[in-house]
């Protein structure tokens, strides 16, 4: 890759991320005309159109979307190589990580100070959202998921296993008692999760002597945020369901008690996933190893 092509690739990525030639030019400290020239030359070299341009917006074409991941990888690899050749050089670059919001807040965010101490020149782009498989995972270097099938062709790194537990505050139990079967949840106030993709409440799954039992408990409250669900349960306002790895501090402190734990769904795998070529980059691998080894996820070992 010549320097002209490198500059053109940098310009392309800047426009794709900014959604504007003008904002991208400001970010790279060049003129808008020069930014447009870089992208035009790249399009001519590749023989494809990378952006659909209108007077109001700039969107990637399908060819542009395909190129974006490769362009980011190339720029990251160049930055890593350049940094390594400098005196005192270390790992550098941007790593994009996607994780469920509740897990990210509980585990990853508290570890950021140690991450910064170990890798001061790596930029961590952390996306937190309870979106699951409905959300496209392309564009991320590392994706964390719980209880989902591995992505085809991706490298999967297991962290451990957890369970989905029903939970209630002692004050709720004192007032309403405990259900002894999943069907008895119909007589209780329940705190449910509703994703951002659909307003339908997810059924709760239990296992009774090897038989799967699915119920749709009545909703006293619905949230698309795990933290809100846990706070409402701690307040004694109903029975909730959450991952044991997230509920463990509240269970240990006596703020919540397990409900129907003998019928809890079997262990769910907690994994990190990523495309093999991205995970092979030194700075991405460093983040993967940090997430795997430096954080106590409160999981059962695989």
Protein backbone atom coordinates (compact mmCIF):
# COMPACT_ATOMS: atom_id res chain seq x y z
CA UNK A 1 0.00 0.00 0.00
CA UNK A 2 1.60 3.31 -1.09
CA UNK A 3 1.28 6.41 1.03
CA UNK A 4 -1.26 7.85 -1.46
CA UNK A 5 -3.42 4.76 -1.04
CA UNK A 6 -2.96 4.88 2.72
CA UNK A 7 -4.17 8.48 2.80
CA UNK A 8 -7.11 7.57 0.58
CA UNK A 9 -8.00 4.69 2.90
CA UNK A 10 -7.80 7.00 5.93
CA UNK A 11 -10.08 9.46 4.17
CA UNK A 12 -12.59 6.73 3.28
CA UNK A 13 -12.78 5.47 6.88
CA UNK A 14 -13.08 9.03 8.22
CA UNK A 15 -16.03 9.82 5.93
CA UNK A 16 -17.71 6.49 6.74
CA UNK A 17 -17.44 7.13 10.49
CA UNK A 18 -18.36 10.82 10.34
CA UNK A 19 -21.15 10.43 7.76
CA UNK A 20 -19.98 13.66 6.17
CA UNK A 21 -17.09 14.81 3.96
CA UNK A 22 -16.94 18.13 5.79
CA UNK A 23 -16.78 16.60 9.29
CA UNK A 24 -14.24 14.04 8.10
CA UNK A 25 -12.09 16.79 6.60
CA UNK A 26 -12.15 18.67 9.90
CA UNK A 27 -11.15 15.50 11.75
CA UNK A 28 -8.18 14.91 9.40
CA UNK A 29 -7.32 18.63 9.24
CA UNK A 30 -7.47 18.87 5.46
CA UNK A 31 -9.82 20.68 3.10
CA UNK A 32 -13.14 19.19 2.04
CA UNK A 33 -11.96 19.32 -1.56
CA UNK A 34 -8.89 17.24 -0.71
CA UNK A 35 -11.05 14.79 1.25
CA UNK A 36 -13.34 14.38 -1.78
CA UNK A 37 -10.32 13.90 -4.04
CA UNK A 38 -8.88 11.14 -1.84
CA UNK A 39 -12.16 9.22 -1.87
CA UNK A 40 -12.72 9.73 -5.60
CA UNK A 41 -9.26 8.39 -6.39
CA UNK A 42 -9.88 5.36 -4.21
CA UNK A 43 -13.19 4.70 -6.00
CA UNK A 44 -11.45 5.02 -9.36
CA UNK A 45 -8.69 2.65 -8.27
CA UNK A 46 -11.16 0.03 -7.02
CA UNK A 47 -13.66 0.53 -9.83
CA UNK A 48 -16.65 0.80 -7.48
CA UNK A 49 -18.72 3.51 -5.83
CA UNK A 50 -18.16 3.58 -2.07
CA UNK A 51 -20.72 6.20 -1.04
CA UNK A 52 -24.19 7.29 -2.07
CA UNK A 53 -24.05 11.07 -1.91
CA UNK A 54 -26.96 13.47 -1.62
CA UNK A 55 -27.06 17.11 -0.55
CA UNK A 56 -28.19 16.05 2.92
CA UNK A 57 -26.35 12.83 3.74
CA UNK A 58 -23.59 10.41 2.80
CA UNK A 59 -24.25 6.65 3.10
CA UNK A 60 -22.06 3.66 2.40
CA UNK A 61 -22.90 1.51 -0.61
CA UNK A 62 -22.81 -2.27 -0.25
CA UNK A 63 -19.26 -2.23 -1.67
CA UNK A 64 -18.37 0.49 0.83
CA UNK A 65 -19.70 -1.58 3.74
CA UNK A 66 -17.63 -4.54 2.60
CA UNK A 67 -14.50 -2.42 2.34
CA UNK A 68 -14.91 -0.65 5.68
CA UNK A 69 -13.92 -3.57 7.91
CA UNK A 70 -10.90 -4.40 5.76
CA UNK A 71 -9.85 -0.73 5.62
CA UNK A 72 -10.01 -0.41 9.39
CA UNK A 73 -7.97 -3.59 9.77
CA UNK A 74 -5.35 -2.32 7.32
CA UNK A 75 -5.05 1.04 9.08
CA UNK A 76 -4.87 -0.60 12.49
CA UNK A 77 -2.18 -3.00 11.27
CA UNK A 78 -0.16 -0.13 9.83
CA UNK A 79 -0.47 1.90 13.04
CA UNK A 80 0.61 -1.08 15.10
CA UNK A 81 3.63 -1.72 12.88
CA UNK A 82 4.59 1.95 12.87
CA UNK A 83 4.32 2.19 16.65
CA UNK A 84 6.39 -0.95 17.18
CA UNK A 85 9.29 0.56 15.21
CA UNK A 86 9.39 3.72 17.28
CA UNK A 87 11.65 3.95 20.34
CA UNK A 88 9.65 2.63 23.32
CA UNK A 89 6.80 1.71 20.98
CA UNK A 90 3.97 -0.47 22.24
CA UNK A 91 0.53 -1.64 21.21
CA UNK A 92 -1.71 0.98 19.69
CA UNK A 93 -4.93 1.20 17.71
CA UNK A 94 -8.70 1.19 18.17
CA UNK A 95 -10.60 -1.93 19.32
CA UNK A 96 -14.38 -2.05 19.03
CA UNK A 97 -16.12 -4.22 21.63
CA UNK A 98 -19.86 -4.94 21.93
CA UNK A 99 -21.32 -6.39 25.15
CA UNK A 100 -24.70 -6.56 26.90
CA UNK A 101 -25.24 -3.34 28.83
CA UNK A 102 -25.67 -4.90 32.28
CA UNK A 103 -22.58 -7.08 31.88
CA UNK A 104 -20.52 -4.18 30.56
CA UNK A 105 -21.47 -1.89 33.44
CA UNK A 106 -20.92 -4.58 36.08
CA UNK A 107 -17.63 -6.03 34.83
CA UNK A 108 -15.91 -4.17 32.00
CA UNK A 109 -16.32 -0.55 33.11
CA UNK A 110 -14.82 -1.18 36.60
CA UNK A 111 -11.77 -2.74 34.89
CA UNK A 112 -11.05 0.22 32.60
CA UNK A 113 -8.53 1.85 34.96
CA UNK A 114 -6.40 -1.30 34.95
CA UNK A 115 -6.84 -1.59 31.19
CA UNK A 116 -5.59 1.97 30.71
CA UNK A 117 -2.61 1.26 32.96
CA UNK A 118 -1.63 -1.76 30.87
CA UNK A 119 -2.48 -0.39 27.42
CA UNK A 120 -2.29 3.41 27.47
CA UNK A 121 -2.20 3.69 23.66
CA UNK A 122 -5.11 1.40 22.79
CA UNK A 123 -8.43 3.15 22.26
CA UNK A 124 -11.31 0.99 23.50
CA UNK A 125 -14.57 1.69 21.69
CA UNK A 126 -17.09 0.00 24.00
CA UNK A 127 -20.69 -0.41 22.81
CA UNK A 128 -23.15 -1.46 25.52
CA UNK A 129 -26.71 -2.46 24.69
CA UNK A 130 -29.14 -5.26 25.46
CA UNK A 131 -29.69 -6.08 21.81
CA UNK A 132 -28.82 -9.76 21.37
CA UNK A 133 -28.77 -11.49 18.02
CA UNK A 134 -31.21 -9.03 16.45
CA UNK A 135 -28.39 -6.46 16.29
CA UNK A 136 -25.80 -6.70 13.53
CA UNK A 137 -22.39 -7.59 14.91
CA UNK A 138 -20.33 -6.53 11.90
CA UNK A 139 -18.10 -3.57 12.61
CA UNK A 140 -17.00 -4.94 15.99
CA UNK A 141 -13.67 -6.60 16.68
CA UNK A 142 -14.88 -8.48 19.77
CA UNK A 143 -18.45 -9.38 20.70
CA UNK A 144 -19.52 -10.75 24.07
CA UNK A 145 -22.64 -12.91 24.18
CA UNK A 146 -24.46 -15.16 26.66
CA UNK A 147 -26.42 -18.25 25.70
CA UNK A 148 -26.29 -17.61 21.96
CA UNK A 149 -25.08 -19.81 19.11
CA UNK A 150 -21.54 -19.02 17.89
CA UNK A 151 -21.26 -16.91 14.74
CA UNK A 152 -20.39 -19.00 11.69
CA UNK A 153 -16.71 -18.70 10.84
CA UNK A 154 -15.86 -16.67 13.95
CA UNK A 155 -13.42 -17.68 16.65
CA UNK A 156 -15.22 -18.31 19.95
CA UNK A 157 -13.41 -17.96 23.29
CA UNK A 158 -15.39 -19.42 26.24
CA UNK A 159 -15.29 -17.54 29.54
CA UNK A 160 -17.48 -19.87 31.60
CA UNK A 161 -21.10 -20.64 32.36
CA UNK A 162 -23.90 -18.97 34.27
CA UNK A 163 -27.64 -19.53 34.89
CA UNK A 164 -30.83 -17.55 34.48
CA UNK A 165 -32.33 -17.25 37.96
CA UNK A 166 -35.62 -15.90 39.20
CA UNK A 167 -35.09 -13.46 42.06
CA UNK A 168 -37.11 -11.58 44.65
CA UNK A 169 -36.43 -9.33 47.60
CA UNK A 170 -37.08 -10.71 51.10
CA UNK A 171 -39.71 -8.00 51.57
CA UNK A 172 -41.62 -9.26 48.54
CA UNK A 173 -41.42 -12.86 49.77
CA UNK A 174 -42.66 -11.84 53.22
CA UNK A 175 -45.73 -10.17 51.70
CA UNK A 176 -46.55 -12.49 48.79
CA UNK A 177 -44.81 -15.80 49.51
CA UNK A 178 -42.87 -17.89 47.00
CA UNK A 179 -44.23 -19.82 44.00
CA UNK A 180 -43.48 -23.54 44.07
CA UNK A 181 -44.07 -24.15 40.34
CA UNK A 182 -43.66 -21.97 37.24
CA UNK A 183 -47.43 -21.98 36.77
CA UNK A 184 -47.89 -20.28 40.15
CA UNK A 185 -46.09 -17.21 38.79
CA UNK A 186 -49.48 -16.27 37.32
CA UNK A 187 -50.50 -15.15 40.81
CA UNK A 188 -47.41 -12.97 41.30
CA UNK A 189 -46.12 -9.57 40.24
CA UNK A 190 -43.30 -10.06 37.74
CA UNK A 191 -40.66 -7.74 36.33
CA UNK A 192 -40.05 -8.54 32.68
CA UNK A 193 -37.53 -7.75 29.99
CA UNK A 194 -38.74 -6.35 26.66
CA UNK A 195 -36.05 -5.85 24.02
CA UNK A 196 -35.63 -2.76 21.88
CA UNK A 197 -36.46 -4.84 18.80
CA UNK A 198 -39.91 -5.96 19.94
CA UNK A 199 -42.37 -5.01 22.63
CA UNK A 200 -43.27 -8.66 23.23
CA UNK A 201 -42.13 -10.01 26.57
CA UNK A 202 -39.72 -12.92 26.46
CA UNK A 203 -41.06 -16.12 28.04
CA UNK A 204 -39.34 -17.51 31.12
CA UNK A 205 -37.93 -21.01 30.67
CA UNK A 206 -37.64 -23.63 33.40
CA UNK A 207 -36.66 -27.29 33.50
CA UNK A 208 -38.69 -29.88 35.38
CA UNK A 209 -37.24 -33.41 35.42
CA UNK A 210 -35.64 -32.91 32.02
CA UNK A 211 -38.74 -31.29 30.50
CA UNK A 212 -38.66 -27.69 29.36
CA UNK A 213 -41.44 -25.51 30.74
CA UNK A 214 -42.07 -22.07 29.24
CA UNK A 215 -44.41 -19.55 30.85
CA UNK A 216 -45.33 -15.94 30.17
CA UNK A 217 -45.76 -14.44 33.62
CA UNK A 218 -47.95 -11.38 34.14
CA UNK A 219 -46.08 -8.10 33.93
CA UNK A 220 -46.08 -5.62 36.76
CA UNK A 221 -43.22 -3.74 35.03
CA UNK A 222 -41.28 -4.16 31.78
CA UNK A 223 -37.84 -2.75 31.01
CA UNK A 224 -35.26 -3.04 28.26
CA UNK A 225 -32.48 -2.48 30.80
CA UNK A 226 -31.11 -5.11 33.17
CA UNK A 227 -30.06 -2.56 35.78
CA UNK A 228 -33.60 -1.23 36.05
CA UNK A 229 -34.93 -4.76 36.42
CA UNK A 230 -32.55 -5.50 39.31
CA UNK A 231 -33.26 -2.20 41.07
CA UNK A 232 -37.01 -2.83 40.88
CA UNK A 233 -36.56 -6.35 42.25
CA UNK A 234 -34.41 -5.08 45.15
CA UNK A 235 -37.16 -2.60 45.96
CA UNK A 236 -39.53 -5.53 46.58
CA UNK A 237 -41.81 -4.73 43.66
CA UNK A 238 -41.91 -8.17 42.06
CA UNK A 239 -40.08 -11.28 40.88
CA UNK A 240 -37.40 -10.77 38.24
CA UNK A 241 -35.19 -13.03 36.16
CA UNK A 242 -31.52 -12.31 35.52
CA UNK A 243 -28.15 -13.93 35.04
CA UNK A 244 -26.63 -15.39 38.20
CA UNK A 245 -23.30 -13.70 37.38
CA UNK A 246 -25.08 -10.32 37.68
CA UNK A 247 -27.21 -11.25 40.69
CA UNK A 248 -24.46 -12.87 42.79
CA UNK A 249 -23.54 -9.74 44.85
CA UNK A 250 -27.20 -9.14 45.75
CA UNK A 251 -27.69 -12.83 46.61
CA UNK A 252 -24.57 -12.88 48.79
CA UNK A 253 -25.67 -9.68 50.56
CA UNK A 254 -29.18 -11.02 51.21
CA UNK A 255 -30.80 -8.26 49.15
CA UNK A 256 -32.37 -10.88 46.88
CA UNK A 257 -33.26 -14.56 47.27
CA UNK A 258 -33.51 -17.20 44.52
CA UNK A 259 -36.94 -18.30 43.33
CA UNK A 260 -37.54 -21.74 41.75
CA UNK A 261 -33.76 -22.19 41.60
CA UNK A 262 -34.11 -26.00 41.44
CA UNK A 263 -35.85 -25.52 38.09
CA UNK A 264 -33.46 -22.91 36.70
CA UNK A 265 -32.53 -23.10 33.05
CA UNK A 266 -29.35 -25.18 32.46
CA UNK A 267 -26.01 -23.45 32.32
CA UNK A 268 -25.59 -20.78 29.64
CA UNK A 269 -22.24 -20.28 27.95
CA UNK A 270 -20.63 -16.84 28.19
CA UNK A 271 -18.27 -16.26 25.29
CA UNK A 272 -16.15 -13.72 23.46
CA UNK A 273 -16.32 -13.90 19.66
CA UNK A 274 -14.55 -12.26 16.77
CA UNK A 275 -13.41 -12.73 13.20
CA UNK A 276 -10.17 -14.66 13.08
CA UNK A 277 -8.26 -12.09 11.02
CA UNK A 278 -9.23 -9.30 13.43
CA UNK A 279 -8.31 -11.29 16.53
CA UNK A 280 -4.92 -12.00 14.99
CA UNK A 281 -4.02 -8.28 15.18
CA UNK A 282 -1.78 -7.70 18.23
CA UNK A 283 -3.78 -4.85 19.75
CA UNK A 284 -7.10 -6.71 19.31
CA UNK A 285 -5.61 -9.87 20.77
CA UNK A 286 -4.36 -7.85 23.74
CA UNK A 287 -7.90 -6.67 24.50
CA UNK A 288 -9.27 -10.19 24.09
CA UNK A 289 -6.67 -11.57 26.51
CA UNK A 290 -7.39 -8.77 28.99
CA UNK A 291 -11.13 -9.47 28.95
CA UNK A 292 -10.50 -13.19 29.35
CA UNK A 293 -7.82 -13.09 32.08
CA UNK A 294 -8.03 -9.80 33.99
CA UNK A 295 -11.73 -9.79 34.95
CA UNK A 296 -13.50 -12.01 37.47
CA UNK A 297 -16.75 -12.71 35.64
CA UNK A 298 -18.20 -14.73 38.57
CA UNK A 299 -18.70 -17.73 36.32
CA UNK A 300 -18.41 -21.47 36.66
CA UNK A 301 -15.37 -22.65 34.74
CA UNK A 302 -16.00 -24.52 31.52
